C-alpha atoms as a PDB file:
ATOM      1  CA  MET A   1      54.231 117.596 223.942  1.00  0.00           C
ATOM      2  CA  LEU A   2      51.290 115.960 222.066  1.00  0.00           C
ATOM      3  CA  ASN A   3      53.181 112.657 221.930  1.00  0.00           C
ATOM      4  CA  ARG A   4      53.760 112.689 225.661  1.00  0.00           C
ATOM      5  CA  LEU A   5      50.050 113.269 226.194  1.00  0.00           C
ATOM      6  CA  ILE A   6      49.027 110.521 223.869  1.00  0.00           C
ATOM      7  CA  GLU A   7      51.634 108.208 225.650  1.00  0.00           C
ATOM      8  CA  ALA A   8      50.093 108.983 229.056  1.00  0.00           C
ATOM      9  CA  ALA A   9      46.623 108.319 227.867  1.00  0.00           C
ATOM     10  CA  LEU A  10      47.697 104.941 226.335  1.00  0.00           C
ATOM     11  CA  VAL A  11      49.323 103.890 229.577  1.00  0.00           C
ATOM     12  CA  VAL A  12      46.122 104.839 231.520  1.00  0.00           C
ATOM     13  CA  VAL A  13      43.966 102.977 229.189  1.00  0.00           C
ATOM     14  CA  LEU A  14      46.149  99.924 229.134  1.00  0.00           C
ATOM     15  CA  ALA A  15      46.325  99.876 232.914  1.00  0.00           C
ATOM     16  CA  ALA A  16      42.584 100.304 233.224  1.00  0.00           C
ATOM     17  CA  ALA A  17      42.035  97.418 230.886  1.00  0.00           C
ATOM     18  CA  ALA A  18      44.600  95.271 232.693  1.00  0.00           C
ATOM     19  CA  VAL A  19      42.685  95.443 236.059  1.00  0.00           C
ATOM     20  CA  GLY A  20      39.222  95.347 234.417  1.00  0.00           C
ATOM     21  CA  GLN A  21      38.293  99.005 234.961  1.00  0.00           C
ATOM     22  CA  LEU A  22      37.997 100.123 231.366  1.00  0.00           C
ATOM     23  CA  PRO A  23      34.226 100.663 231.519  1.00  0.00           C
ATOM     24  CA  ARG A  24      34.556 102.774 234.691  1.00  0.00           C
ATOM     25  CA  LEU A  25      37.343 104.869 232.922  1.00  0.00           C
ATOM     26  CA  VAL A  26      35.237 105.468 229.871  1.00  0.00           C
ATOM     27  CA  GLN A  27      32.287 106.574 232.133  1.00  0.00           C
ATOM     28  CA  THR A  28      34.532 108.960 234.075  1.00  0.00           C
ATOM     29  CA  VAL A  29      35.671 110.437 230.787  1.00  0.00           C
ATOM     30  CA  ARG A  30      32.120 110.956 229.571  1.00  0.00           C
ATOM     31  CA  VAL A  31      31.177 112.666 232.735  1.00  0.00           C
ATOM     32  CA  ALA A  32      34.277 114.918 232.526  1.00  0.00           C
ATOM     33  CA  GLN A  33      33.377 115.781 228.931  1.00  0.00           C
ATOM     34  CA  LEU A  34      29.742 116.668 229.852  1.00  0.00           C
ATOM     35  CA  GLN A  35      30.884 118.858 232.854  1.00  0.00           C
ATOM     36  CA  LEU A  36      33.375 120.607 230.494  1.00  0.00           C
ATOM     37  CA  LEU A  37      30.641 121.191 227.937  1.00  0.00           C
ATOM     38  CA  LYS A  38      28.198 122.457 230.633  1.00  0.00           C
ATOM     39  CA  ASP A  39      30.911 124.704 232.037  1.00  0.00           C
ATOM     40  CA  SER A  40      31.839 126.149 228.639  1.00  0.00           C
ATOM     41  CA  GLN A  41      28.179 127.090 228.050  1.00  0.00           C
ATOM     42  CA  SER A  42      27.736 128.765 231.494  1.00  0.00           C
ATOM     43  CA  SER A  43      28.698 132.339 232.465  1.00  0.00           C
ATOM     44  CA  LYS A  44      31.992 131.075 234.257  1.00  0.00           C
ATOM     45  CA  TRP A  45      34.044 132.008 231.188  1.00  0.00           C
ATOM     46  CA  GLY A  46      33.337 135.778 231.488  1.00  0.00           C
ATOM     47  CA  ARG A  47      32.715 138.077 228.446  1.00  0.00           C
ATOM     48  CA  PRO A  48      34.711 137.873 225.254  1.00  0.00           C
ATOM     49  CA  MET A  49      36.868 140.734 224.314  1.00  0.00           C
ATOM     50  CA  LEU A  50      35.284 142.379 221.320  1.00  0.00           C
ATOM     51  CA  ILE A  51      37.160 144.641 218.808  1.00  0.00           C
ATOM     52  CA  PRO A  52      35.836 148.193 219.071  1.00  0.00           C
ATOM     53  CA  VAL A  53      33.754 149.275 216.157  1.00  0.00           C
ATOM     54  CA  HIS A  54      34.654 152.652 214.590  1.00  0.00           C
ATOM     55  CA  LYS A  55      31.834 154.632 213.095  1.00  0.00           C
END
């Protein structure tokens, strides 16, 4: 499965480079990374399940 993902990413990058849109693709990926980081730090993920502590 990982190989398919890598192949798909390579196709997208090569296509973007072929039509001169590589800088735009890189910017889009950076924005998506920042949004994912922001979402992971917010309360959208809920609360973690904690193991009960026996006293």
